[in-house]
């Protein structure tokens, strides 16, 4: 069992930055791939970014490429999402998710963007970008 708690959300002006954190408790965090997803009002939850268990590979949705950076610190059981050059359309609730890959790194990148790949979810943190 893994518990995930997100933090770092808030209100920021367009062009500004925020860093989200997701603290994980439970066993074997370092064997889990981690992802960030978001859900805007009236829209479906969508993939934002993901990172393999080792941190060796990262994946991004097209709308955030070049602006967001995902990273992890396995010693601290924490994954981060650095969000720069924020836009009004980034406004959403951001969710952290964990996928038990058993330490396997060779999955196709497609799997990292699928909601159904992930086993555990946090409660979400609100990010609001004012234009």
N, C-alpha and C. Protein backbone atom coordinates (compact mmCIF):
# COMPACT_ATOMS: atom_id res chain seq x y z
N UNK A 1 0.85 -1.19 0.00
CA UNK A 1 0.00 0.00 0.00
C UNK A 1 0.89 1.25 0.00
N UNK A 2 0.51 2.22 -0.79
CA UNK A 2 1.25 3.48 -0.88
C UNK A 2 0.27 4.62 -0.68
N UNK A 3 0.62 5.54 0.18
CA UNK A 3 -0.18 6.76 0.37
C UNK A 3 0.57 7.92 -0.25
N UNK A 4 -0.16 8.76 -0.97
CA UNK A 4 0.43 9.89 -1.67
C UNK A 4 -0.22 11.18 -1.21
N UNK A 5 0.61 12.17 -0.89
CA UNK A 5 0.09 13.46 -0.44
C UNK A 5 0.76 14.56 -1.26
N UNK A 6 -0.05 15.30 -2.01
CA UNK A 6 0.46 16.39 -2.83
C UNK A 6 0.47 17.69 -2.04
N UNK A 7 1.36 18.58 -2.41
CA UNK A 7 1.41 19.91 -1.81
C UNK A 7 2.05 20.86 -2.82
N UNK A 8 1.93 22.16 -2.54
CA UNK A 8 2.58 23.15 -3.37
C UNK A 8 1.68 23.88 -4.33
N UNK A 9 0.42 23.50 -4.39
CA UNK A 9 -0.50 24.19 -5.26
C UNK A 9 -0.82 25.59 -4.73
N UNK A 10 -1.50 26.37 -5.56
CA UNK A 10 -1.88 27.71 -5.13
C UNK A 10 -2.28 28.57 -6.30
N UNK A 11 -2.32 29.87 -6.04
CA UNK A 11 -2.71 30.86 -7.05
C UNK A 11 -1.45 31.58 -7.54
N UNK A 12 -1.29 31.66 -8.85
CA UNK A 12 -0.12 32.30 -9.43
C UNK A 12 -0.54 33.05 -10.69
N UNK A 13 0.16 34.10 -11.00
CA UNK A 13 -0.13 34.84 -12.23
C UNK A 13 0.45 34.12 -13.43
N UNK A 14 -0.15 34.36 -14.57
CA UNK A 14 0.36 33.79 -15.81
C UNK A 14 1.81 34.20 -16.01
N UNK A 15 2.63 33.23 -16.43
CA UNK A 15 4.05 33.46 -16.58
C UNK A 15 4.86 33.09 -15.36
N UNK A 16 4.18 32.85 -14.25
CA UNK A 16 4.85 32.51 -13.01
C UNK A 16 5.18 31.03 -12.91
N UNK A 17 5.67 30.65 -11.74
CA UNK A 17 6.11 29.27 -11.52
C UNK A 17 5.55 28.73 -10.21
N UNK A 18 5.41 27.41 -10.16
CA UNK A 18 5.06 26.69 -8.95
C UNK A 18 5.81 25.38 -8.96
N UNK A 19 6.09 24.84 -7.78
CA UNK A 19 6.65 23.50 -7.69
C UNK A 19 5.75 22.65 -6.82
N UNK A 20 5.21 21.61 -7.41
CA UNK A 20 4.40 20.66 -6.68
C UNK A 20 5.29 19.55 -6.13
N UNK A 21 4.91 19.08 -4.96
CA UNK A 21 5.59 17.93 -4.36
C UNK A 21 4.58 16.84 -4.07
N UNK A 22 5.03 15.62 -4.12
CA UNK A 22 4.19 14.47 -3.78
C UNK A 22 5.01 13.56 -2.87
N UNK A 23 4.61 13.51 -1.62
CA UNK A 23 5.30 12.67 -0.66
C UNK A 23 4.61 11.32 -0.57
N UNK A 24 5.40 10.27 -0.68
CA UNK A 24 4.86 8.91 -0.65
C UNK A 24 5.25 8.20 0.63
N UNK A 25 4.33 7.49 1.19
CA UNK A 25 4.63 6.63 2.33
C UNK A 25 4.27 5.21 1.95
N UNK A 26 4.91 4.28 2.60
CA UNK A 26 4.70 2.89 2.25
C UNK A 26 5.99 2.27 1.77
N UNK A 27 5.87 1.07 1.29
CA UNK A 27 7.06 0.32 0.96
C UNK A 27 7.46 0.44 -0.50
N UNK A 28 8.74 0.32 -0.74
CA UNK A 28 9.28 0.14 -2.09
C UNK A 28 8.94 1.28 -3.03
N UNK A 29 8.96 2.50 -2.54
CA UNK A 29 8.69 3.66 -3.40
C UNK A 29 9.61 3.67 -4.60
N UNK A 30 10.83 3.26 -4.41
CA UNK A 30 11.82 3.37 -5.49
C UNK A 30 11.55 2.42 -6.64
N UNK A 31 10.61 1.48 -6.49
CA UNK A 31 10.28 0.59 -7.60
C UNK A 31 9.03 1.05 -8.35
N UNK A 32 8.48 2.19 -7.92
CA UNK A 32 7.27 2.71 -8.54
C UNK A 32 7.59 3.79 -9.57
N UNK A 33 7.00 3.70 -10.74
CA UNK A 33 6.97 4.84 -11.63
C UNK A 33 5.97 5.84 -11.06
N UNK A 34 6.22 7.11 -11.29
CA UNK A 34 5.36 8.16 -10.74
C UNK A 34 4.85 9.06 -11.85
N UNK A 35 3.62 9.48 -11.71
CA UNK A 35 3.04 10.35 -12.71
C UNK A 35 2.29 11.51 -12.09
N UNK A 36 2.15 12.55 -12.89
CA UNK A 36 1.28 13.68 -12.55
C UNK A 36 0.18 13.77 -13.60
N UNK A 37 -1.02 13.94 -13.12
CA UNK A 37 -2.18 14.13 -13.97
C UNK A 37 -2.90 15.39 -13.50
N UNK A 38 -3.81 15.90 -14.32
CA UNK A 38 -4.58 17.06 -13.90
C UNK A 38 -6.01 16.96 -14.43
N UNK A 39 -6.89 17.66 -13.73
CA UNK A 39 -8.29 17.67 -14.14
C UNK A 39 -8.85 19.07 -13.96
N UNK A 40 -9.25 19.66 -15.05
CA UNK A 40 -9.87 20.98 -15.03
C UNK A 40 -11.38 20.81 -14.90
N UNK A 41 -12.08 21.84 -14.41
CA UNK A 41 -13.53 21.74 -14.25
C UNK A 41 -14.21 21.37 -15.56
N UNK A 42 -15.07 20.36 -15.50
CA UNK A 42 -15.82 19.96 -16.67
C UNK A 42 -15.05 19.15 -17.68
N UNK A 43 -13.80 18.82 -17.36
CA UNK A 43 -12.97 18.05 -18.29
C UNK A 43 -12.53 16.75 -17.65
N UNK A 44 -12.08 15.84 -18.49
CA UNK A 44 -11.57 14.56 -18.00
C UNK A 44 -10.14 14.73 -17.47
N UNK A 45 -9.78 13.82 -16.60
CA UNK A 45 -8.41 13.83 -16.08
C UNK A 45 -7.45 13.51 -17.22
N UNK A 46 -6.33 14.24 -17.27
CA UNK A 46 -5.39 14.06 -18.35
C UNK A 46 -3.95 13.94 -17.84
N UNK A 47 -3.17 13.26 -18.61
CA UNK A 47 -1.76 13.06 -18.30
C UNK A 47 -0.97 14.36 -18.43
N UNK A 48 -0.03 14.55 -17.49
CA UNK A 48 0.85 15.71 -17.53
C UNK A 48 2.31 15.26 -17.72
N UNK A 49 2.79 14.41 -16.81
CA UNK A 49 4.19 14.01 -16.87
C UNK A 49 4.38 12.72 -16.08
N UNK A 50 5.44 11.98 -16.39
CA UNK A 50 5.75 10.76 -15.66
C UNK A 50 7.25 10.54 -15.63
N UNK A 51 7.67 9.74 -14.65
CA UNK A 51 9.09 9.45 -14.49
C UNK A 51 9.23 7.99 -14.08
N UNK A 52 10.22 7.31 -14.65
CA UNK A 52 10.44 5.91 -14.31
C UNK A 52 10.97 5.77 -12.90
N UNK A 53 11.01 4.54 -12.39
CA UNK A 53 11.39 4.33 -11.01
C UNK A 53 12.80 4.83 -10.72
N UNK A 54 13.69 4.74 -11.71
CA UNK A 54 15.07 5.16 -11.50
C UNK A 54 15.28 6.64 -11.76
N UNK A 55 14.29 7.27 -12.39
CA UNK A 55 14.46 8.66 -12.81
C UNK A 55 15.18 8.77 -14.14
N UNK A 56 15.47 7.62 -14.76
CA UNK A 56 16.24 7.63 -15.99
C UNK A 56 15.48 8.10 -17.21
N UNK A 57 14.18 8.00 -17.17
CA UNK A 57 13.37 8.43 -18.31
C UNK A 57 12.19 9.26 -17.81
N UNK A 58 11.84 10.27 -18.60
CA UNK A 58 10.69 11.11 -18.28
C UNK A 58 9.82 11.26 -19.52
N UNK A 59 8.56 11.52 -19.28
CA UNK A 59 7.58 11.64 -20.35
C UNK A 59 6.70 12.84 -20.06
N UNK A 60 6.32 13.56 -21.11
CA UNK A 60 5.51 14.77 -20.94
C UNK A 60 4.40 14.82 -21.97
N UNK A 61 3.29 15.40 -21.55
CA UNK A 61 2.23 15.72 -22.50
C UNK A 61 2.68 16.91 -23.34
N UNK A 62 2.23 16.95 -24.57
CA UNK A 62 2.67 18.01 -25.49
C UNK A 62 2.42 19.42 -24.94
N UNK A 63 1.27 19.68 -24.29
CA UNK A 63 1.01 21.06 -23.85
C UNK A 63 1.98 21.58 -22.79
N UNK A 64 2.71 20.68 -22.12
CA UNK A 64 3.59 21.13 -21.04
C UNK A 64 5.07 20.95 -21.37
N UNK A 65 5.38 20.34 -22.50
CA UNK A 65 6.78 20.13 -22.87
C UNK A 65 7.52 21.45 -22.94
N UNK A 66 8.70 21.47 -22.33
CA UNK A 66 9.51 22.67 -22.32
C UNK A 66 9.17 23.64 -21.21
N UNK A 67 8.05 23.41 -20.51
CA UNK A 67 7.65 24.30 -19.42
C UNK A 67 7.64 23.58 -18.07
N UNK A 68 7.31 22.29 -18.07
CA UNK A 68 7.23 21.52 -16.82
C UNK A 68 8.39 20.52 -16.77
N UNK A 69 8.84 20.26 -15.55
CA UNK A 69 9.91 19.28 -15.34
C UNK A 69 9.54 18.38 -14.17
N UNK A 70 9.54 17.07 -14.41
CA UNK A 70 9.28 16.11 -13.35
C UNK A 70 10.62 15.55 -12.87
N UNK A 71 10.72 15.34 -11.57
CA UNK A 71 11.93 14.76 -10.98
C UNK A 71 11.53 13.99 -9.73
N UNK A 72 12.47 13.22 -9.21
CA UNK A 72 12.18 12.46 -8.01
C UNK A 72 13.43 12.32 -7.15
N UNK A 73 13.19 12.15 -5.86
CA UNK A 73 14.25 11.90 -4.90
C UNK A 73 13.85 10.64 -4.14
N UNK A 74 14.41 9.52 -4.52
CA UNK A 74 14.00 8.26 -3.90
C UNK A 74 14.42 8.17 -2.44
N UNK A 75 15.45 8.89 -2.06
CA UNK A 75 15.87 8.90 -0.66
C UNK A 75 14.84 9.60 0.22
N UNK A 76 14.09 10.53 -0.38
CA UNK A 76 13.06 11.27 0.36
C UNK A 76 11.65 10.79 0.03
N UNK A 77 11.53 9.76 -0.80
CA UNK A 77 10.21 9.26 -1.21
C UNK A 77 9.33 10.37 -1.75
N UNK A 78 9.89 11.21 -2.58
CA UNK A 78 9.17 12.38 -3.06
C UNK A 78 9.38 12.55 -4.56
N UNK A 79 8.32 12.95 -5.23
CA UNK A 79 8.38 13.31 -6.64
C UNK A 79 7.94 14.76 -6.76
N UNK A 80 8.53 15.46 -7.72
CA UNK A 80 8.28 16.89 -7.88
C UNK A 80 7.79 17.20 -9.29
N UNK A 81 7.07 18.29 -9.40
CA UNK A 81 6.69 18.82 -10.70
C UNK A 81 6.97 20.31 -10.69
N UNK A 82 8.04 20.71 -11.37
CA UNK A 82 8.36 22.12 -11.50
C UNK A 82 7.60 22.66 -12.69
N UNK A 83 6.80 23.68 -12.45
CA UNK A 83 5.96 24.25 -13.50
C UNK A 83 6.36 25.69 -13.73
N UNK A 84 6.87 25.98 -14.90
CA UNK A 84 7.29 27.32 -15.27
C UNK A 84 6.44 27.85 -16.42
N UNK A 85 6.51 29.15 -16.62
CA UNK A 85 5.75 29.80 -17.71
C UNK A 85 4.30 29.35 -17.70
N UNK A 86 3.69 29.40 -16.55
CA UNK A 86 2.33 28.91 -16.40
C UNK A 86 1.34 29.75 -17.20
N UNK A 87 0.32 29.05 -17.69
CA UNK A 87 -0.72 29.67 -18.49
C UNK A 87 -2.07 29.45 -17.81
N UNK A 88 -3.04 30.26 -18.18
CA UNK A 88 -4.37 30.11 -17.59
C UNK A 88 -4.92 28.70 -17.83
N UNK A 89 -4.60 28.13 -18.96
CA UNK A 89 -5.11 26.79 -19.29
C UNK A 89 -4.46 25.68 -18.46
N UNK A 90 -3.45 26.01 -17.66
CA UNK A 90 -2.88 25.03 -16.73
C UNK A 90 -3.69 24.92 -15.45
N UNK A 91 -4.68 25.77 -15.28
CA UNK A 91 -5.52 25.72 -14.09
C UNK A 91 -6.24 24.38 -13.99
N UNK A 92 -6.07 23.71 -12.88
CA UNK A 92 -6.65 22.38 -12.69
C UNK A 92 -6.30 21.88 -11.29
N UNK A 93 -6.93 20.78 -10.93
CA UNK A 93 -6.47 20.02 -9.77
C UNK A 93 -5.41 19.04 -10.27
N UNK A 94 -4.27 19.03 -9.63
CA UNK A 94 -3.15 18.18 -10.03
C UNK A 94 -3.06 16.99 -9.09
N UNK A 95 -2.97 15.81 -9.69
CA UNK A 95 -2.91 14.57 -8.93
C UNK A 95 -1.60 13.85 -9.16
N UNK A 96 -1.08 13.31 -8.10
CA UNK A 96 0.10 12.46 -8.15
C UNK A 96 -0.37 11.00 -8.18
N UNK A 97 0.33 10.17 -8.92
CA UNK A 97 -0.05 8.76 -9.03
C UNK A 97 1.18 7.86 -9.02
N UNK A 98 1.01 6.66 -8.51
CA UNK A 98 2.12 5.70 -8.42
C UNK A 98 1.75 4.41 -9.12
N UNK A 99 2.70 3.88 -9.86
CA UNK A 99 2.52 2.65 -10.63
C UNK A 99 3.62 1.68 -10.22
N UNK A 100 3.20 0.55 -9.69
CA UNK A 100 4.17 -0.45 -9.27
C UNK A 100 4.70 -1.22 -10.47
N UNK A 101 5.83 -0.80 -10.99
CA UNK A 101 6.43 -1.46 -12.14
C UNK A 101 7.38 -2.58 -11.71
N UNK A 102 7.51 -2.78 -10.39
CA UNK A 102 8.40 -3.83 -9.91
C UNK A 102 9.84 -3.57 -10.28
N UNK A 103 10.18 -2.31 -10.48
CA UNK A 103 11.56 -1.97 -10.83
C UNK A 103 11.90 -2.17 -12.29
N UNK A 104 10.91 -2.50 -13.10
CA UNK A 104 11.14 -2.69 -14.54
C UNK A 104 11.09 -1.34 -15.24
N UNK A 105 12.06 -1.12 -16.10
CA UNK A 105 12.17 0.17 -16.77
C UNK A 105 11.75 0.10 -18.23
N UNK A 106 11.53 -1.08 -18.77
CA UNK A 106 11.40 -1.23 -20.21
C UNK A 106 10.01 -1.10 -20.79
N UNK A 107 9.08 -0.55 -20.05
CA UNK A 107 7.73 -0.40 -20.61
C UNK A 107 7.73 0.65 -21.71
N UNK A 108 6.83 0.46 -22.67
CA UNK A 108 6.64 1.48 -23.70
C UNK A 108 6.19 2.78 -23.06
N UNK A 109 6.62 3.89 -23.60
CA UNK A 109 6.26 5.18 -23.06
C UNK A 109 4.77 5.42 -23.02
N UNK A 110 4.04 4.75 -23.89
CA UNK A 110 2.58 4.91 -23.95
C UNK A 110 1.93 4.56 -22.61
N UNK A 111 2.47 3.56 -21.94
CA UNK A 111 1.86 3.11 -20.68
C UNK A 111 1.94 4.19 -19.61
N UNK A 112 2.94 5.02 -19.65
CA UNK A 112 3.13 6.02 -18.60
C UNK A 112 2.07 7.12 -18.65
N UNK A 113 1.42 7.28 -19.76
CA UNK A 113 0.40 8.32 -19.88
C UNK A 113 -1.02 7.81 -19.63
N UNK A 114 -1.14 6.53 -19.36
CA UNK A 114 -2.48 5.94 -19.17
C UNK A 114 -2.90 5.96 -17.71
N UNK A 115 -4.08 6.49 -17.43
CA UNK A 115 -4.60 6.50 -16.06
C UNK A 115 -4.68 5.07 -15.52
N UNK A 116 -5.07 4.14 -16.35
CA UNK A 116 -5.28 2.76 -15.91
C UNK A 116 -3.98 2.06 -15.51
N UNK A 117 -2.82 2.63 -15.85
CA UNK A 117 -1.55 2.01 -15.46
C UNK A 117 -1.26 2.18 -13.97
N UNK A 118 -1.84 3.18 -13.36
CA UNK A 118 -1.44 3.60 -12.01
C UNK A 118 -2.29 2.93 -10.93
N UNK A 119 -1.61 2.56 -9.85
CA UNK A 119 -2.24 1.81 -8.77
C UNK A 119 -2.74 2.68 -7.63
N UNK A 120 -2.07 3.78 -7.38
CA UNK A 120 -2.40 4.63 -6.24
C UNK A 120 -2.47 6.10 -6.67
N UNK A 121 -3.34 6.84 -6.00
CA UNK A 121 -3.55 8.25 -6.33
C UNK A 121 -3.59 9.08 -5.06
N UNK A 122 -3.11 10.32 -5.20
CA UNK A 122 -3.24 11.28 -4.12
C UNK A 122 -4.59 11.97 -4.19
N UNK A 123 -4.79 12.89 -3.25
CA UNK A 123 -6.08 13.57 -3.16
C UNK A 123 -6.16 14.81 -4.05
N UNK A 124 -5.01 15.23 -4.57
CA UNK A 124 -4.99 16.36 -5.48
C UNK A 124 -4.67 17.69 -4.81
N UNK A 125 -4.10 18.59 -5.58
CA UNK A 125 -3.81 19.94 -5.11
C UNK A 125 -4.22 20.93 -6.21
N UNK A 126 -4.87 22.02 -5.80
CA UNK A 126 -5.41 22.97 -6.77
C UNK A 126 -4.32 23.92 -7.24
N UNK A 127 -4.25 24.10 -8.55
CA UNK A 127 -3.38 25.10 -9.17
C UNK A 127 -4.27 26.04 -9.96
N UNK A 128 -4.19 27.32 -9.64
CA UNK A 128 -4.99 28.32 -10.34
C UNK A 128 -4.04 29.37 -10.92
N UNK A 129 -4.14 29.57 -12.23
CA UNK A 129 -3.28 30.54 -12.92
C UNK A 129 -4.17 31.67 -13.41
N UNK A 130 -3.91 32.87 -12.93
CA UNK A 130 -4.72 34.03 -13.32
C UNK A 130 -4.08 34.71 -14.52
N UNK A 131 -4.91 35.13 -15.43
CA UNK A 131 -4.40 35.76 -16.67
C UNK A 131 -4.44 37.27 -16.55
